[in-house]
Amino acid sequence: MNERDGFEERLRQARSKQGLDTPPAGRGKAPQSPWGFGLRAGVEVVSALVVGIGLGFWLDRWLGTWPWLFLVFFVMGSAAGVLNVYRLFNPRPRSRTRSD
């Protein structure tokens, strides 16, 4: 057993002793109820759109290129929102092993 394995074992024992062996709810986990999924999906799409539209509008006003950057960032914000919802419904499992 190397030094890292010993540390992991001591950390696991300390967490279980303090009742911290389960990760806190709401961190990196998908919502469990249909309302939770719907609310999070809506927030993901709306927030990505607001950021994209706001950034495009601001850049267009600053550079005087109306409406081109607004349209580009609107499309990018829409794509980001859809991608976030896709990731919400199709989460990738995290690998527990680390390659050093």
PDB file of N, CA and C in Angstrom:
ATOM      1  N   MET A   1       0.859  -1.171   0.000  1.00  0.00           N
ATOM      2  CA  MET A   1       0.000   0.000   0.000  1.00  0.00           C
ATOM      3  C   MET A   1       0.902   1.230   0.000  1.00  0.00           C
ATOM      4  N   ASN A   2       0.690   2.079  -0.994  1.00  0.00           N
ATOM      5  CA  ASN A   2       1.528   3.275  -1.062  1.00  0.00           C
ATOM      6  C   ASN A   2       0.920   4.400  -0.222  1.00  0.00           C
ATOM      7  N   GLU A   3       1.604   5.510  -0.205  1.00  0.00           N
ATOM      8  CA  GLU A   3       1.211   6.642   0.640  1.00  0.00           C
ATOM      9  C   GLU A   3      -0.163   7.188   0.262  1.00  0.00           C
ATOM     10  N   ARG A   4      -0.455   7.234  -1.027  1.00  0.00           N
ATOM     11  CA  ARG A   4      -1.733   7.790  -1.496  1.00  0.00           C
ATOM     12  C   ARG A   4      -2.910   6.909  -1.073  1.00  0.00           C
ATOM     13  N   ASP A   5      -2.741   5.595  -1.194  1.00  0.00           N
ATOM     14  CA  ASP A   5      -3.818   4.688  -0.786  1.00  0.00           C
ATOM     15  C   ASP A   5      -4.098   4.800   0.705  1.00  0.00           C
ATOM     16  N   GLY A   6      -3.049   4.960   1.506  1.00  0.00           N
ATOM     17  CA  GLY A   6      -3.222   5.125   2.944  1.00  0.00           C
ATOM     18  C   GLY A   6      -3.983   6.393   3.276  1.00  0.00           C
ATOM     19  N   PHE A   7      -3.675   7.457   2.547  1.00  0.00           N
ATOM     20  CA  PHE A   7      -4.380   8.718   2.762  1.00  0.00           C
ATOM     21  C   PHE A   7      -5.855   8.582   2.412  1.00  0.00           C
ATOM     22  N   GLU A   8      -6.136   7.960   1.260  1.00  0.00           N
ATOM     23  CA  GLU A   8      -7.534   7.777   0.837  1.00  0.00           C
ATOM     24  C   GLU A   8      -8.311   6.971   1.875  1.00  0.00           C
ATOM     25  N   GLU A   9      -7.688   5.936   2.433  1.00  0.00           N
ATOM     26  CA  GLU A   9      -8.361   5.109   3.431  1.00  0.00           C
ATOM     27  C   GLU A   9      -8.618   5.902   4.711  1.00  0.00           C
ATOM     28  N   ARG A  10      -7.633   6.682   5.169  1.00  0.00           N
ATOM     29  CA  ARG A  10      -7.830   7.503   6.370  1.00  0.00           C
ATOM     30  C   ARG A  10      -8.903   8.556   6.144  1.00  0.00           C
ATOM     31  N   LEU A  11      -8.914   9.153   4.953  1.00  0.00           N
ATOM     32  CA  LEU A  11      -9.924  10.152   4.625  1.00  0.00           C
ATOM     33  C   LEU A  11     -11.318   9.532   4.616  1.00  0.00           C
ATOM     34  N   ARG A  12     -11.457   8.354   4.033  1.00  0.00           N
ATOM     35  CA  ARG A  12     -12.740   7.660   4.004  1.00  0.00           C
ATOM     36  C   ARG A  12     -13.222   7.342   5.415  1.00  0.00           C
ATOM     37  N   GLN A  13     -12.309   6.889   6.284  1.00  0.00           N
ATOM     38  CA  GLN A  13     -12.678   6.584   7.665  1.00  0.00           C
ATOM     39  C   GLN A  13     -13.106   7.841   8.422  1.00  0.00           C
ATOM     40  N   ALA A  14     -12.383   8.932   8.233  1.00  0.00           N
ATOM     41  CA  ALA A  14     -12.730  10.176   8.919  1.00  0.00           C
ATOM     42  C   ALA A  14     -14.077  10.702   8.454  1.00  0.00           C
ATOM     43  N   ARG A  15     -14.342  10.614   7.170  1.00  0.00           N
ATOM     44  CA  ARG A  15     -15.643  11.076   6.655  1.00  0.00           C
ATOM     45  C   ARG A  15     -16.787  10.225   7.175  1.00  0.00           C
ATOM     46  N   SER A  16     -16.606   8.918   7.211  1.00  0.00           N
ATOM     47  CA  SER A  16     -17.690   8.063   7.691  1.00  0.00           C
ATOM     48  C   SER A  16     -17.916   8.268   9.191  1.00  0.00           C
ATOM     49  N   LYS A  17     -16.836   8.557   9.940  1.00  0.00           N
ATOM     50  CA  LYS A  17     -16.968   8.802  11.374  1.00  0.00           C
ATOM     51  C   LYS A  17     -17.786  10.068  11.640  1.00  0.00           C
ATOM     52  N   GLN A  18     -17.622  11.080  10.786  1.00  0.00           N
ATOM     53  CA  GLN A  18     -18.336  12.342  10.963  1.00  0.00           C
ATOM     54  C   GLN A  18     -19.669  12.373  10.219  1.00  0.00           C
ATOM     55  N   GLY A  19     -19.998  11.298   9.534  1.00  0.00           N
ATOM     56  CA  GLY A  19     -21.253  11.259   8.793  1.00  0.00           C
ATOM     57  C   GLY A  19     -21.189  11.992   7.472  1.00  0.00           C
ATOM     58  N   LEU A  20     -20.018  12.143   6.910  1.00  0.00           N
ATOM     59  CA  LEU A  20     -19.846  12.862   5.651  1.00  0.00           C
ATOM     60  C   LEU A  20     -19.521  11.908   4.505  1.00  0.00           C
ATOM     61  N   ASP A  21     -19.883  10.634   4.648  1.00  0.00           N
ATOM     62  CA  ASP A  21     -19.526   9.673   3.612  1.00  0.00           C
ATOM     63  C   ASP A  21     -20.384   9.795   2.359  1.00  0.00           C
ATOM     64  N   THR A  22     -21.466  10.553   2.413  1.00  0.00           N
ATOM     65  CA  THR A  22     -22.263  10.807   1.214  1.00  0.00           C
ATOM     66  C   THR A  22     -22.055  12.254   0.797  1.00  0.00           C
ATOM     67  N   PRO A  23     -21.950  12.501  -0.512  1.00  0.00           N
ATOM     68  CA  PRO A  23     -21.748  13.875  -0.955  1.00  0.00           C
ATOM     69  C   PRO A  23     -22.985  14.721  -0.676  1.00  0.00           C
ATOM     70  N   PRO A  24     -22.823  16.036  -0.482  1.00  0.00           N
ATOM     71  CA  PRO A  24     -23.972  16.897  -0.217  1.00  0.00           C
ATOM     72  C   PRO A  24     -24.945  16.913  -1.389  1.00  0.00           C
ATOM     73  N   ALA A  25     -26.221  17.018  -1.089  1.00  0.00           N
ATOM     74  CA  ALA A  25     -27.245  17.028  -2.137  1.00  0.00           C
ATOM     75  C   ALA A  25     -27.150  18.314  -2.947  1.00  0.00           C
ATOM     76  N   GLY A  26     -27.424  18.201  -4.246  1.00  0.00           N
ATOM     77  CA  GLY A  26     -27.465  19.368  -5.099  1.00  0.00           C
ATOM     78  C   GLY A  26     -26.138  19.733  -5.724  1.00  0.00           C
ATOM     79  N   ARG A  27     -25.104  18.995  -5.466  1.00  0.00           N
ATOM     80  CA  ARG A  27     -23.808  19.303  -6.052  1.00  0.00           C
ATOM     81  C   ARG A  27     -23.496  18.306  -7.153  1.00  0.00           C
ATOM     82  N   GLY A  28     -23.653  18.754  -8.406  1.00  0.00           N
ATOM     83  CA  GLY A  28     -23.301  17.911  -9.526  1.00  0.00           C
ATOM     84  C   GLY A  28     -24.278  16.787  -9.813  1.00  0.00           C
ATOM     85  N   LYS A  29     -25.370  16.730  -9.098  1.00  0.00           N
ATOM     86  CA  LYS A  29     -26.350  15.678  -9.317  1.00  0.00           C
ATOM     87  C   LYS A  29     -27.563  16.254 -10.041  1.00  0.00           C
ATOM     88  N   ALA A  30     -28.191  15.416 -10.839  1.00  0.00           N
ATOM     89  CA  ALA A  30     -29.398  15.837 -11.538  1.00  0.00           C
ATOM     90  C   ALA A  30     -30.555  15.892 -10.537  1.00  0.00           C
ATOM     91  N   PRO A  31     -31.523  16.778 -10.765  1.00  0.00           N
ATOM     92  CA  PRO A  31     -32.693  16.823  -9.884  1.00  0.00           C
ATOM     93  C   PRO A  31     -33.452  15.507  -9.927  1.00  0.00           C
ATOM     94  N   GLN A  32     -34.157  15.184  -8.862  1.00  0.00           N
ATOM     95  CA  GLN A  32     -34.859  13.916  -8.777  1.00  0.00           C
ATOM     96  C   GLN A  32     -36.327  13.986  -9.193  1.00  0.00           C
ATOM     97  N   SER A  33     -36.942  15.147  -9.075  1.00  0.00           N
ATOM     98  CA  SER A  33     -38.365  15.251  -9.399  1.00  0.00           C
ATOM     99  C   SER A  33     -38.549  15.848 -10.793  1.00  0.00           C
ATOM    100  N   PRO A  34     -39.696  15.585 -11.414  1.00  0.00           N
ATOM    101  CA  PRO A  34     -39.968  16.186 -12.721  1.00  0.00           C
ATOM    102  C   PRO A  34     -39.969  17.716 -12.675  1.00  0.00           C
ATOM    103  N   TRP A  35     -40.457  18.282 -11.570  1.00  0.00           N
ATOM    104  CA  TRP A  35     -40.448  19.740 -11.432  1.00  0.00           C
ATOM    105  C   TRP A  35     -39.016  20.257 -11.373  1.00  0.00           C
ATOM    106  N   GLY A  36     -38.153  19.518 -10.699  1.00  0.00           N
ATOM    107  CA  GLY A  36     -36.752  19.910 -10.610  1.00  0.00           C
ATOM    108  C   GLY A  36     -36.073  19.901 -11.970  1.00  0.00           C
ATOM    109  N   PHE A  37     -36.344  18.852 -12.760  1.00  0.00           N
ATOM    110  CA  PHE A  37     -35.781  18.784 -14.112  1.00  0.00           C
ATOM    111  C   PHE A  37     -36.290  19.940 -14.969  1.00  0.00           C
ATOM    112  N   GLY A  38     -37.583  20.179 -14.918  1.00  0.00           N
ATOM    113  CA  GLY A  38     -38.164  21.242 -15.737  1.00  0.00           C
ATOM    114  C   GLY A  38     -37.652  22.621 -15.355  1.00  0.00           C
ATOM    115  N   LEU A  39     -37.581  22.872 -14.064  1.00  0.00           N
ATOM    116  CA  LEU A  39     -37.104  24.165 -13.598  1.00  0.00           C
ATOM    117  C   LEU A  39     -35.642  24.376 -13.969  1.00  0.00           C
ATOM    118  N   ARG A  40     -34.827  23.350 -13.749  1.00  0.00           N
ATOM    119  CA  ARG A  40     -33.407  23.500 -14.075  1.00  0.00           C
ATOM    120  C   ARG A  40     -33.193  23.646 -15.575  1.00  0.00           C
ATOM    121  N   ALA A  41     -33.935  22.882 -16.388  1.00  0.00           N
ATOM    122  CA  ALA A  41     -33.804  22.998 -17.840  1.00  0.00           C
ATOM    123  C   ALA A  41     -34.201  24.401 -18.295  1.00  0.00           C
ATOM    124  N   GLY A  42     -35.281  24.938 -17.757  1.00  0.00           N
ATOM    125  CA  GLY A  42     -35.709  26.287 -18.115  1.00  0.00           C
ATOM    126  C   GLY A  42     -34.695  27.339 -17.721  1.00  0.00           C
ATOM    127  N   VAL A  43     -34.148  27.198 -16.523  1.00  0.00           N
ATOM    128  CA  VAL A  43     -33.141  28.157 -16.063  1.00  0.00           C
ATOM    129  C   VAL A  43     -31.890  28.071 -16.921  1.00  0.00           C
ATOM    130  N   GLU A  44     -31.492  26.869 -17.301  1.00  0.00           N
ATOM    131  CA  GLU A  44     -30.304  26.700 -18.147  1.00  0.00           C
ATOM    132  C   GLU A  44     -30.485  27.410 -19.482  1.00  0.00           C
ATOM    133  N   VAL A  45     -31.630  27.202 -20.121  1.00  0.00           N
ATOM    134  CA  VAL A  45     -31.867  27.800 -21.440  1.00  0.00           C
ATOM    135  C   VAL A  45     -31.987  29.320 -21.327  1.00  0.00           C
ATOM    136  N   VAL A  46     -32.781  29.783 -20.386  1.00  0.00           N
ATOM    137  CA  VAL A  46     -33.007  31.229 -20.258  1.00  0.00           C
ATOM    138  C   VAL A  46     -31.716  31.957 -19.883  1.00  0.00           C
ATOM    139  N   SER A  47     -30.953  31.411 -18.964  1.00  0.00           N
ATOM    140  CA  SER A  47     -29.719  32.095 -18.563  1.00  0.00           C
ATOM    141  C   SER A  47     -28.704  32.136 -19.704  1.00  0.00           C
ATOM    142  N   ALA A  48     -28.587  31.057 -20.471  1.00  0.00           N
ATOM    143  CA  ALA A  48     -27.667  31.070 -21.611  1.00  0.00           C
ATOM    144  C   ALA A  48     -28.124  32.085 -22.656  1.00  0.00           C
ATOM    145  N   LEU A  49     -29.422  32.173 -22.904  1.00  0.00           N
ATOM    146  CA  LEU A  49     -29.935  33.153 -23.856  1.00  0.00           C
ATOM    147  C   LEU A  49     -29.710  34.584 -23.375  1.00  0.00           C
ATOM    148  N   VAL A  50     -29.960  34.833 -22.106  1.00  0.00           N
ATOM    149  CA  VAL A  50     -29.784  36.185 -21.572  1.00  0.00           C
ATOM    150  C   VAL A  50     -28.324  36.618 -21.679  1.00  0.00           C
ATOM    151  N   VAL A  51     -27.411  35.728 -21.345  1.00  0.00           N
ATOM    152  CA  VAL A  51     -25.992  36.071 -21.441  1.00  0.00           C
ATOM    153  C   VAL A  51     -25.604  36.303 -22.896  1.00  0.00           C
ATOM    154  N   GLY A  52     -26.028  35.424 -23.801  1.00  0.00           N
ATOM    155  CA  GLY A  52     -25.699  35.590 -25.211  1.00  0.00           C
ATOM    156  C   GLY A  52     -26.279  36.863 -25.807  1.00  0.00           C
ATOM    157  N   ILE A  53     -27.532  37.124 -25.529  1.00  0.00           N
ATOM    158  CA  ILE A  53     -28.187  38.325 -26.059  1.00  0.00           C
ATOM    159  C   ILE A  53     -27.558  39.586 -25.452  1.00  0.00           C
ATOM    160  N   GLY A  54     -27.329  39.574 -24.157  1.00  0.00           N
ATOM    161  CA  GLY A  54     -26.738  40.737 -23.507  1.00  0.00           C
ATOM    162  C   GLY A  54     -25.344  41.048 -24.029  1.00  0.00           C
ATOM    163  N   LEU A  55     -24.523  40.014 -24.175  1.00  0.00           N
ATOM    164  CA  LEU A  55     -23.170  40.221 -24.678  1.00  0.00           C
ATOM    165  C   LEU A  55     -23.186  40.688 -26.124  1.00  0.00           C
ATOM    166  N   GLY A  56     -24.036  40.082 -26.953  1.00  0.00           N
ATOM    167  CA  GLY A  56     -24.139  40.505 -28.347  1.00  0.00           C
ATOM    168  C   GLY A  56     -24.642  41.928 -28.485  1.00  0.00           C
ATOM    169  N   PHE A  57     -25.639  42.293 -27.705  1.00  0.00           N
ATOM    170  CA  PHE A  57     -26.182  43.654 -27.745  1.00  0.00           C
ATOM    171  C   PHE A  57     -25.130  44.670 -27.321  1.00  0.00           C
ATOM    172  N   TRP A  58     -24.427  44.361 -26.216  1.00  0.00           N
ATOM    173  CA  TRP A  58     -23.397  45.271 -25.717  1.00  0.00           C
ATOM    174  C   TRP A  58     -22.260  45.449 -26.731  1.00  0.00           C
ATOM    175  N   LEU A  59     -21.803  44.331 -27.321  1.00  0.00           N
ATOM    176  CA  LEU A  59     -20.727  44.428 -28.312  1.00  0.00           C
ATOM    177  C   LEU A  59     -21.183  45.191 -29.556  1.00  0.00           C
ATOM    178  N   ASP A  60     -22.412  44.982 -29.984  1.00  0.00           N
ATOM    179  CA  ASP A  60     -22.937  45.715 -31.146  1.00  0.00           C
ATOM    180  C   ASP A  60     -23.002  47.211 -30.880  1.00  0.00           C
ATOM    181  N   ARG A  61     -23.445  47.589 -29.707  1.00  0.00           N
ATOM    182  CA  ARG A  61     -23.492  49.026 -29.376  1.00  0.00           C
ATOM    183  C   ARG A  61     -22.099  49.617 -29.297  1.00  0.00           C
ATOM    184  N   TRP A  62     -21.165  48.852 -28.733  1.00  0.00           N
ATOM    185  CA  TRP A  62     -19.806  49.330 -28.573  1.00  0.00           C
ATOM    186  C   TRP A  62     -19.078  49.447 -29.916  1.00  0.00           C
ATOM    187  N   LEU A  63     -19.263  48.444 -30.792  1.00  0.00           N
ATOM    188  CA  LEU A  63     -18.551  48.419 -32.066  1.00  0.00           C
ATOM    189  C   LEU A  63     -19.356  48.998 -33.225  1.00  0.00           C
ATOM    190  N   GLY A  64     -20.642  49.254 -33.022  1.00  0.00           N
ATOM    191  CA  GLY A  64     -21.489  49.817 -34.072  1.00  0.00           C
ATOM    192  C   GLY A  64     -21.752  48.853 -35.217  1.00  0.00           C
ATOM    193  N   THR A  65     -21.946  47.593 -34.897  1.00  0.00           N
ATOM    194  CA  THR A  65     -22.151  46.575 -35.933  1.00  0.00           C
ATOM    195  C   THR A  65     -23.553  45.984 -35.904  1.00  0.00           C
ATOM    196  N   TRP A  66     -24.518  46.728 -35.391  1.00  0.00           N
ATOM    197  CA  TRP A  66     -25.878  46.199 -35.224  1.00  0.00           C
ATOM    198  C   TRP A  66     -26.381  45.611 -36.514  1.00  0.00           C
ATOM    199  N   PRO A  67     -27.004  44.514 -36.585  1.00  0.00           N
ATOM    200  CA  PRO A  67     -27.404  43.497 -35.620  1.00  0.00           C
ATOM    201  C   PRO A  67     -26.535  42.247 -35.662  1.00  0.00           C
ATOM    202  N   TRP A  68     -25.372  42.315 -36.276  1.00  0.00           N
ATOM    203  CA  TRP A  68     -24.621  41.091 -36.572  1.00  0.00           C
ATOM    204  C   TRP A  68     -24.103  40.364 -35.341  1.00  0.00           C
ATOM    205  N   LEU A  69     -23.461  41.041 -34.442  1.00  0.00           N
ATOM    206  CA  LEU A  69     -22.959  40.360 -33.248  1.00  0.00           C
ATOM    207  C   LEU A  69     -24.102  39.919 -32.339  1.00  0.00           C
ATOM    208  N   PHE A  70     -25.172  40.698 -32.323  1.00  0.00           N
ATOM    209  CA  PHE A  70     -26.362  40.299 -31.572  1.00  0.00           C
ATOM    210  C   PHE A  70     -26.869  38.943 -32.078  1.00  0.00           C
ATOM    211  N   LEU A  71     -26.957  38.801 -33.387  1.00  0.00           N
ATOM    212  CA  LEU A  71     -27.438  37.543 -33.963  1.00  0.00           C
ATOM    213  C   LEU A  71     -26.480  36.392 -33.708  1.00  0.00           C
ATOM    214  N   VAL A  72     -25.186  36.644 -33.842  1.00  0.00           N
ATOM    215  CA  VAL A  72     -24.194  35.588 -33.606  1.00  0.00           C
ATOM    216  C   VAL A  72     -24.263  35.105 -32.164  1.00  0.00           C
ATOM    217  N   PHE A  73     -24.290  36.038 -31.216  1.00  0.00           N
ATOM    218  CA  PHE A  73     -24.327  35.644 -29.809  1.00  0.00           C
ATOM    219  C   PHE A  73     -25.689  35.089 -29.398  1.00  0.00           C
ATOM    220  N   PHE A  74     -26.752  35.484 -30.092  1.00  0.00           N
ATOM    221  CA  PHE A  74     -28.052  34.862 -29.846  1.00  0.00           C
ATOM    222  C   PHE A  74     -28.005  33.387 -30.219  1.00  0.00           C
ATOM    223  N   VAL A  75     -27.432  33.083 -31.369  1.00  0.00           N
ATOM    224  CA  VAL A  75     -27.314  31.686 -31.808  1.00  0.00           C
ATOM    225  C   VAL A  75     -26.387  30.914 -30.866  1.00  0.00           C
ATOM    226  N   MET A  76     -25.273  31.536 -30.472  1.00  0.00           N
ATOM    227  CA  MET A  76     -24.359  30.860 -29.552  1.00  0.00           C
ATOM    228  C   MET A  76     -25.004  30.617 -28.187  1.00  0.00           C
ATOM    229  N   GLY A  77     -25.767  31.571 -27.689  1.00  0.00           N
ATOM    230  CA  GLY A  77     -26.471  31.392 -26.421  1.00  0.00           C
ATOM    231  C   GLY A  77     -27.527  30.308 -26.513  1.00  0.00           C
ATOM    232  N   SER A  78     -28.222  30.256 -27.650  1.00  0.00           N
ATOM    233  CA  SER A  78     -29.223  29.206 -27.849  1.00  0.00           C
ATOM    234  C   SER A  78     -28.563  27.835 -27.863  1.00  0.00           C
ATOM    235  N   ALA A  79     -27.448  27.723 -28.583  1.00  0.00           N
ATOM    236  CA  ALA A  79     -26.730  26.446 -28.641  1.00  0.00           C
ATOM    237  C   ALA A  79     -26.208  26.043 -27.261  1.00  0.00           C
ATOM    238  N   ALA A  80     -25.705  27.000 -26.505  1.00  0.00           N
ATOM    239  CA  ALA A  80     -25.221  26.706 -25.155  1.00  0.00           C
ATOM    240  C   ALA A  80     -26.357  26.233 -24.255  1.00  0.00           C
ATOM    241  N   GLY A  81     -27.518  26.854 -24.360  1.00  0.00           N
ATOM    242  CA  GLY A  81     -28.660  26.425 -23.562  1.00  0.00           C
ATOM    243  C   GLY A  81     -29.110  25.016 -23.899  1.00  0.00           C
ATOM    244  N   VAL A  82     -29.178  24.712 -25.184  1.00  0.00           N
ATOM    245  CA  VAL A  82     -29.572  23.364 -25.614  1.00  0.00           C
ATOM    246  C   VAL A  82     -28.531  22.339 -25.164  1.00  0.00           C
ATOM    247  N   LEU A  83     -27.247  22.687 -25.277  1.00  0.00           N
ATOM    248  CA  LEU A  83     -26.185  21.778 -24.841  1.00  0.00           C
ATOM    249  C   LEU A  83     -26.260  21.535 -23.333  1.00  0.00           C
ATOM    250  N   ASN A  84     -26.554  22.560 -22.565  1.00  0.00           N
ATOM    251  CA  ASN A  84     -26.692  22.393 -21.115  1.00  0.00           C
ATOM    252  C   ASN A  84     -27.858  21.474 -20.767  1.00  0.00           C
ATOM    253  N   VAL A  85     -28.964  21.607 -21.473  1.00  0.00           N
ATOM    254  CA  VAL A  85     -30.112  20.727 -21.223  1.00  0.00           C
ATOM    255  C   VAL A  85     -29.781  19.297 -21.646  1.00  0.00           C
ATOM    256  N   TYR A  86     -29.061  19.149 -22.753  1.00  0.00           N
ATOM    257  CA  TYR A  86     -28.635  17.813 -23.185  1.00  0.00           C
ATOM    258  C   TYR A  86     -27.765  17.167 -22.108  1.00  0.00           C
ATOM    259  N   ARG A  87     -26.841  17.937 -21.554  1.00  0.00           N
ATOM    260  CA  ARG A  87     -25.982  17.408 -20.497  1.00  0.00           C
ATOM    261  C   ARG A  87     -26.772  17.086 -19.236  1.00  0.00           C
ATOM    262  N   LEU A  88     -27.831  17.826 -18.978  1.00  0.00           N
ATOM    263  CA  LEU A  88     -28.671  17.551 -17.813  1.00  0.00           C
ATOM    264  C   LEU A  88     -29.346  16.192 -17.941  1.00  0.00           C
ATOM    265  N   PHE A  89     -29.829  15.880 -19.131  1.00  0.00           N
ATOM    266  CA  PHE A  89     -30.568  14.637 -19.322  1.00  0.00           C
ATOM    267  C   PHE A  89     -29.670  13.459 -19.687  1.00  0.00           C
ATOM    268  N   ASN A  90     -28.432  13.711 -20.099  1.00  0.00           N
ATOM    269  CA  ASN A  90     -27.494  12.641 -20.434  1.00  0.00           C
ATOM    270  C   ASN A  90     -26.165  12.880 -19.726  1.00  0.00           C
ATOM    271  N   PRO A  91     -26.135  12.709 -18.411  1.00  0.00           N
ATOM    272  CA  PRO A  91     -24.889  12.994 -17.683  1.00  0.00           C
ATOM    273  C   PRO A  91     -23.823  11.947 -17.994  1.00  0.00           C
ATOM    274  N   ARG A  92     -22.587  12.398 -18.050  1.00  0.00           N
ATOM    275  CA  ARG A  92     -21.457  11.485 -18.236  1.00  0.00           C
ATOM    276  C   ARG A  92     -21.024  10.989 -16.878  1.00  0.00           C
ATOM    277  N   PRO A  93     -20.821   9.695 -16.746  1.00  0.00           N
ATOM    278  CA  PRO A  93     -20.318   9.212 -15.455  1.00  0.00           C
ATOM    279  C   PRO A  93     -18.877   9.652 -15.260  1.00  0.00           C
ATOM    280  N   ARG A  94     -18.565  10.059 -14.046  1.00  0.00           N
ATOM    281  CA  ARG A  94     -17.205  10.482 -13.734  1.00  0.00           C
ATOM    282  C   ARG A  94     -16.351   9.263 -13.445  1.00  0.00           C
ATOM    283  N   SER A  95     -15.169   9.273 -13.953  1.00  0.00           N
ATOM    284  CA  SER A  95     -14.245   8.190 -13.713  1.00  0.00           C
ATOM    285  C   SER A  95     -13.615   8.354 -12.337  1.00  0.00           C
ATOM    286  N   ARG A  96     -13.581   7.298 -11.563  1.00  0.00           N
ATOM    287  CA  ARG A  96     -12.988   7.360 -10.224  1.00  0.00           C
ATOM    288  C   ARG A  96     -11.484   7.127 -10.261  1.00  0.00           C
ATOM    289  N   THR A  97     -10.987   6.575 -11.353  1.00  0.00           N
ATOM    290  CA  THR A  97      -9.550   6.314 -11.430  1.00  0.00           C
ATOM    291  C   THR A  97      -8.866   7.512 -12.071  1.00  0.00           C
ATOM    292  N   ARG A  98      -7.662   7.753 -11.623  1.00  0.00           N
ATOM    293  CA  ARG A  98      -6.874   8.853 -12.135  1.00  0.00           C
ATOM    294  C   ARG A  98      -5.616   8.307 -12.754  1.00  0.00           C
ATOM    295  N   SER A  99      -5.276   8.758 -13.935  1.00  0.00           N
ATOM    296  CA  SER A  99      -4.041   8.300 -14.559  1.00  0.00           C
ATOM    297  C   SER A  99      -2.954   9.326 -14.319  1.00  0.00           C
ATOM    298  N   ASP A 100      -1.936   8.938 -13.602  1.00  0.00           N
ATOM    299  CA  ASP A 100      -0.822   9.841 -13.288  1.00  0.00           C
ATOM    300  C   ASP A 100       0.346   9.551 -14.182  1.00  0.00           C
TER     301      ASP A 100
END
